[in-house]
Amino acid sequence: MATSVKPIELHYWPTPNGWKITIMLEECGLPYEVKLVNIGKGEQFKPEFLAISPNNRMPAIVDPDGPGGKPISVFESGAILQYLGRKTGQFYPADERARVQVEEWLFWQMAGLGPMSGQNNHFRNYAQEKLPYAIRRYEDEVNRLYGVLNKRLADRDYLAGDYSIADIACVGWARGWERQGQEIADFPHMKRWLDAVQARPAVQRGLKVAEDARAGSNLATDKEAQKVLFGQRART
């Protein structure tokens, strides 16, 4: 008799980093159970969440069927994508040369596209004091990164050859181009890629996970949530 597959616990809030994992789980056809972590209410600081995500950031997963059949928790969205890619053999090639290309663009997103877009979003949309220098600084850097993305996609369909975790990592951030103060028409190859990736059924399903929770919050006006999310210092 076949044993039932236990779902992966996904600790999640609908943000570009969270979408990476819902998209990957949908693409791989893995069963999962969403455990919402409302970051505007400080649920990321609960001890039970910190036990699996010590950086108090979501997403994180707990796979009850980890290596050796024992549970494993994984935090950091890029590490989760790599783990799920190895677990399933999907969207993360075993060939070393192909894998290096995927990892280059995965870490490009983790170190550049994500953080710079996040800072741009903060200073454009959430900062209580509008600082023209900061806004221009991060708008320009996001624009530069879009240019890198656009050039890379000029002669290929996806970032690292075949569709991979590199594309999954980038799409949630790239789709926010308007909020980033950018014109997508300036980046036609990026636009073609973005349209193609967002047309994938698994991507569409992943982006819809808990979308009502996101729609029900307005960080731009929620001062209490801003206190929770912004200005954090080390906790002892």
Protein backbone atom coordinates (compact mmCIF):
# COMPACT_ATOMS: atom_id res chain seq x y z
CA MET A 1 0.00 0.00 0.00
CA ALA A 2 1.39 3.39 -0.97
CA THR A 3 2.02 5.79 1.88
CA SER A 4 0.59 9.27 1.70
CA VAL A 5 3.03 12.12 1.14
CA LYS A 6 3.13 14.56 4.04
CA PRO A 7 2.81 18.16 2.91
CA ILE A 8 5.66 20.60 3.27
CA GLU A 9 4.96 23.33 5.82
CA LEU A 10 5.38 26.71 4.16
CA HIS A 11 5.72 29.67 6.51
CA TYR A 12 4.72 32.47 4.21
CA TRP A 13 3.43 35.94 3.52
CA PRO A 14 2.55 37.08 -0.03
CA THR A 15 5.63 39.08 -0.99
CA PRO A 16 8.16 38.66 -3.81
CA ASN A 17 10.28 36.39 -1.62
CA GLY A 18 7.27 34.38 -0.51
CA TRP A 19 6.08 33.97 -4.10
CA LYS A 20 9.34 32.30 -5.04
CA ILE A 21 8.42 29.31 -2.91
CA THR A 22 4.71 29.05 -3.74
CA ILE A 23 5.64 29.15 -7.43
CA MET A 24 8.35 26.50 -6.99
CA LEU A 25 6.03 24.22 -5.00
CA GLU A 26 3.33 24.60 -7.65
CA GLU A 27 5.78 24.00 -10.48
CA CYS A 28 7.09 20.84 -8.80
CA GLY A 29 3.63 19.55 -7.90
CA LEU A 30 4.60 19.14 -4.24
CA PRO A 31 1.86 19.13 -1.61
CA TYR A 32 2.21 21.95 0.89
CA GLU A 33 0.40 23.57 3.77
CA VAL A 34 0.54 27.33 4.14
CA LYS A 35 1.14 28.77 7.60
CA LEU A 36 0.73 32.52 7.29
CA VAL A 37 3.30 34.72 9.02
CA ASN A 38 1.76 38.18 9.21
CA ILE A 39 4.87 40.32 9.07
CA GLY A 40 2.89 43.52 9.73
CA LYS A 41 1.78 42.13 13.10
CA GLY A 42 5.20 40.88 14.14
CA GLU A 43 4.48 37.17 13.85
CA GLN A 44 7.98 36.69 12.43
CA PHE A 45 9.36 37.33 15.93
CA LYS A 46 7.51 34.48 17.60
CA PRO A 47 9.89 31.93 19.18
CA GLU A 48 8.42 29.03 17.20
CA PHE A 49 9.12 30.85 13.94
CA LEU A 50 12.60 31.96 14.99
CA ALA A 51 13.40 28.31 15.69
CA ILE A 52 13.25 27.64 11.94
CA SER A 53 14.09 31.10 10.63
CA PRO A 54 16.61 32.80 12.95
CA ASN A 55 16.83 35.89 10.74
CA ASN A 56 13.12 36.59 11.49
CA ARG A 57 12.30 36.65 7.79
CA MET A 58 9.91 34.55 5.83
CA PRO A 59 9.64 32.34 3.85
CA ALA A 60 10.81 29.20 5.58
CA ILE A 61 9.82 25.59 5.11
CA VAL A 62 9.70 22.43 7.17
CA ASP A 63 9.90 19.30 5.05
CA PRO A 64 8.73 16.30 7.11
CA ASP A 65 10.36 14.01 4.54
CA GLY A 66 13.84 15.48 4.60
CA PRO A 67 17.17 13.72 4.02
CA GLY A 68 17.16 10.25 5.53
CA GLY A 69 13.41 10.45 6.00
CA LYS A 70 13.80 12.94 8.86
CA PRO A 71 12.26 16.44 9.01
CA ILE A 72 14.38 19.39 7.96
CA SER A 73 13.75 23.12 8.12
CA VAL A 74 15.19 25.54 5.58
CA PHE A 75 15.20 29.34 5.69
CA GLU A 76 16.29 31.90 3.07
CA SER A 77 14.33 31.81 -0.17
CA GLY A 78 17.33 31.04 -2.39
CA ALA A 79 18.38 28.12 -0.20
CA ILE A 80 14.81 26.81 -0.24
CA LEU A 81 14.72 26.95 -4.04
CA GLN A 82 17.99 25.02 -4.23
CA TYR A 83 16.77 22.46 -1.70
CA LEU A 84 13.50 21.86 -3.54
CA GLY A 85 15.36 21.70 -6.85
CA ARG A 86 17.65 18.99 -5.52
CA LYS A 87 14.78 17.16 -3.83
CA THR A 88 12.69 16.96 -6.99
CA GLY A 89 15.32 17.11 -9.72
CA GLN A 90 13.34 19.94 -11.34
CA PHE A 91 14.36 23.43 -12.47
CA TYR A 92 17.88 23.03 -11.03
CA PRO A 93 20.14 21.10 -13.40
CA ALA A 94 22.53 18.39 -12.23
CA ASP A 95 25.09 19.19 -14.95
CA GLU A 96 27.72 21.40 -13.34
CA ARG A 97 28.07 23.94 -16.16
CA ALA A 98 24.31 24.40 -16.40
CA ARG A 99 23.99 24.58 -12.62
CA VAL A 100 26.65 27.29 -12.37
CA GLN A 101 24.65 29.48 -14.77
CA VAL A 102 21.50 29.00 -12.71
CA GLU A 103 23.34 29.81 -9.50
CA GLU A 104 24.92 32.94 -10.98
CA TRP A 105 21.51 34.40 -11.74
CA LEU A 106 19.94 33.12 -8.54
CA PHE A 107 22.59 34.90 -6.47
CA TRP A 108 22.36 37.95 -8.74
CA GLN A 109 18.74 38.21 -7.65
CA MET A 110 19.48 37.52 -4.00
CA ALA A 111 22.30 40.07 -3.80
CA GLY A 112 21.08 42.68 -6.27
CA LEU A 113 17.60 42.70 -7.76
CA GLY A 114 15.82 41.86 -4.50
CA PRO A 115 17.65 44.13 -2.04
CA MET A 116 17.87 47.10 -4.40
CA SER A 117 14.20 46.80 -5.34
CA GLY A 118 13.30 46.54 -1.68
CA GLN A 119 15.21 49.69 -0.78
CA ASN A 120 13.76 51.52 -3.77
CA ASN A 121 10.25 50.49 -2.74
CA HIS A 122 10.89 51.65 0.81
CA PHE A 123 12.17 55.11 -0.03
CA ARG A 124 9.61 55.68 -2.78
CA ASN A 125 6.52 54.40 -0.99
CA TYR A 126 7.02 54.01 2.76
CA ALA A 127 9.67 56.39 4.11
CA GLN A 128 8.11 59.06 6.31
CA GLU A 129 10.69 61.54 5.07
CA LYS A 130 11.04 61.78 1.30
CA LEU A 131 14.74 61.85 0.51
CA PRO A 132 15.32 62.72 -3.17
CA TYR A 133 18.89 61.46 -3.13
CA ALA A 134 17.88 58.04 -1.75
CA ILE A 135 14.97 57.74 -4.16
CA ARG A 136 17.14 58.61 -7.15
CA ARG A 137 19.95 56.34 -5.95
CA TYR A 138 17.79 53.23 -5.76
CA GLU A 139 15.66 54.03 -8.81
CA ASP A 140 18.86 54.30 -10.83
CA GLU A 141 20.22 51.03 -9.43
CA VAL A 142 16.99 49.17 -10.22
CA ASN A 143 17.11 50.68 -13.69
CA ARG A 144 20.69 49.43 -14.10
CA LEU A 145 19.68 45.94 -12.97
CA TYR A 146 16.76 45.90 -15.39
CA GLY A 147 19.27 46.76 -18.10
CA VAL A 148 21.41 43.76 -17.10
CA LEU A 149 18.32 41.53 -17.17
CA ASN A 150 17.21 42.92 -20.52
CA LYS A 151 20.64 42.37 -22.12
CA ARG A 152 20.86 38.83 -20.77
CA LEU A 153 17.46 37.98 -22.28
CA ALA A 154 18.19 39.50 -25.68
CA ASP A 155 19.21 36.15 -27.19
CA ARG A 156 17.56 33.57 -24.91
CA ASP A 157 14.14 32.71 -23.55
CA TYR A 158 15.20 32.30 -19.93
CA LEU A 159 18.02 33.50 -17.72
CA ALA A 160 20.07 30.30 -17.66
CA GLY A 161 18.96 28.42 -20.75
CA ASP A 162 15.95 26.36 -19.72
CA TYR A 163 13.36 27.68 -17.28
CA SER A 164 14.85 27.34 -13.81
CA ILE A 165 14.86 28.50 -10.21
CA ALA A 166 16.69 31.61 -11.44
CA ASP A 167 13.58 32.71 -13.32
CA ILE A 168 11.38 31.73 -10.39
CA ALA A 169 13.52 33.86 -8.07
CA CYS A 170 13.34 36.94 -10.29
CA VAL A 171 9.77 37.06 -11.54
CA GLY A 172 8.14 38.25 -8.31
CA TRP A 173 10.51 41.19 -8.10
CA ALA A 174 10.47 42.02 -11.81
CA ARG A 175 6.67 42.18 -12.02
CA GLY A 176 6.72 45.21 -9.71
CA TRP A 177 8.38 47.44 -12.31
CA GLU A 178 5.70 50.16 -12.14
CA ARG A 179 5.98 50.43 -8.36
CA GLN A 180 9.73 50.72 -8.87
CA GLY A 181 9.32 53.86 -10.99
CA GLN A 182 10.42 52.11 -14.19
CA GLU A 183 9.03 51.93 -17.73
CA ILE A 184 8.82 48.33 -18.92
CA ALA A 185 8.76 49.52 -22.54
CA ASP A 186 12.40 50.52 -22.08
CA PHE A 187 13.27 46.84 -21.54
CA PRO A 188 11.57 44.85 -24.33
CA HIS A 189 13.43 41.58 -23.77
CA MET A 190 12.68 41.68 -20.06
CA LYS A 191 9.02 42.37 -20.88
CA ARG A 192 8.82 39.39 -23.24
CA TRP A 193 10.37 37.14 -20.58
CA LEU A 194 8.13 38.52 -17.84
CA ASP A 195 5.00 37.94 -19.90
CA ALA A 196 6.08 34.38 -20.73
CA VAL A 197 6.90 33.45 -17.14
CA GLN A 198 3.71 34.99 -15.76
CA ALA A 199 1.68 33.05 -18.33
CA ARG A 200 2.74 29.73 -16.78
CA PRO A 201 -0.19 28.18 -14.87
CA ALA A 202 1.97 27.27 -11.86
CA VAL A 203 3.25 30.83 -11.63
CA GLN A 204 -0.29 32.16 -11.72
CA ARG A 205 -1.34 29.76 -8.96
CA GLY A 206 1.70 30.63 -6.86
CA LEU A 207 1.02 34.35 -7.10
CA LYS A 208 -2.54 33.88 -5.89
CA VAL A 209 -1.68 32.12 -2.65
CA ALA A 210 -3.10 34.23 0.21
CA GLU A 211 -3.58 37.21 -2.10
CA ASP A 212 -6.56 38.28 0.04
CA ALA A 213 -4.22 38.69 3.02
CA ARG A 214 -2.02 41.03 1.01
CA ALA A 215 -5.01 42.96 -0.30
CA GLY A 216 -6.27 43.42 3.26
CA SER A 217 -3.15 45.24 4.40
CA ASN A 218 -1.91 48.71 3.44
CA LEU A 219 1.60 49.20 4.69
CA ALA A 220 1.74 52.73 3.33
CA THR A 221 -0.88 53.88 5.86
CA ASP A 222 -0.56 51.29 8.64
CA LYS A 223 1.68 53.05 11.16
CA GLU A 224 1.69 50.14 13.59
CA ALA A 225 2.91 47.75 10.88
CA GLN A 226 5.59 50.25 9.91
CA LYS A 227 6.83 50.26 13.50
CA VAL A 228 7.12 46.48 13.38
CA LEU A 229 8.86 46.29 10.01
CA PHE A 230 11.09 49.37 9.92
CA GLY A 231 13.86 50.47 12.27
CA GLN A 232 14.48 47.06 13.82
CA ARG A 233 17.68 46.61 15.78
CA ALA A 234 19.36 43.58 17.32
CA ARG A 235 17.23 41.63 19.80
CA THR A 236 18.89 40.13 22.83
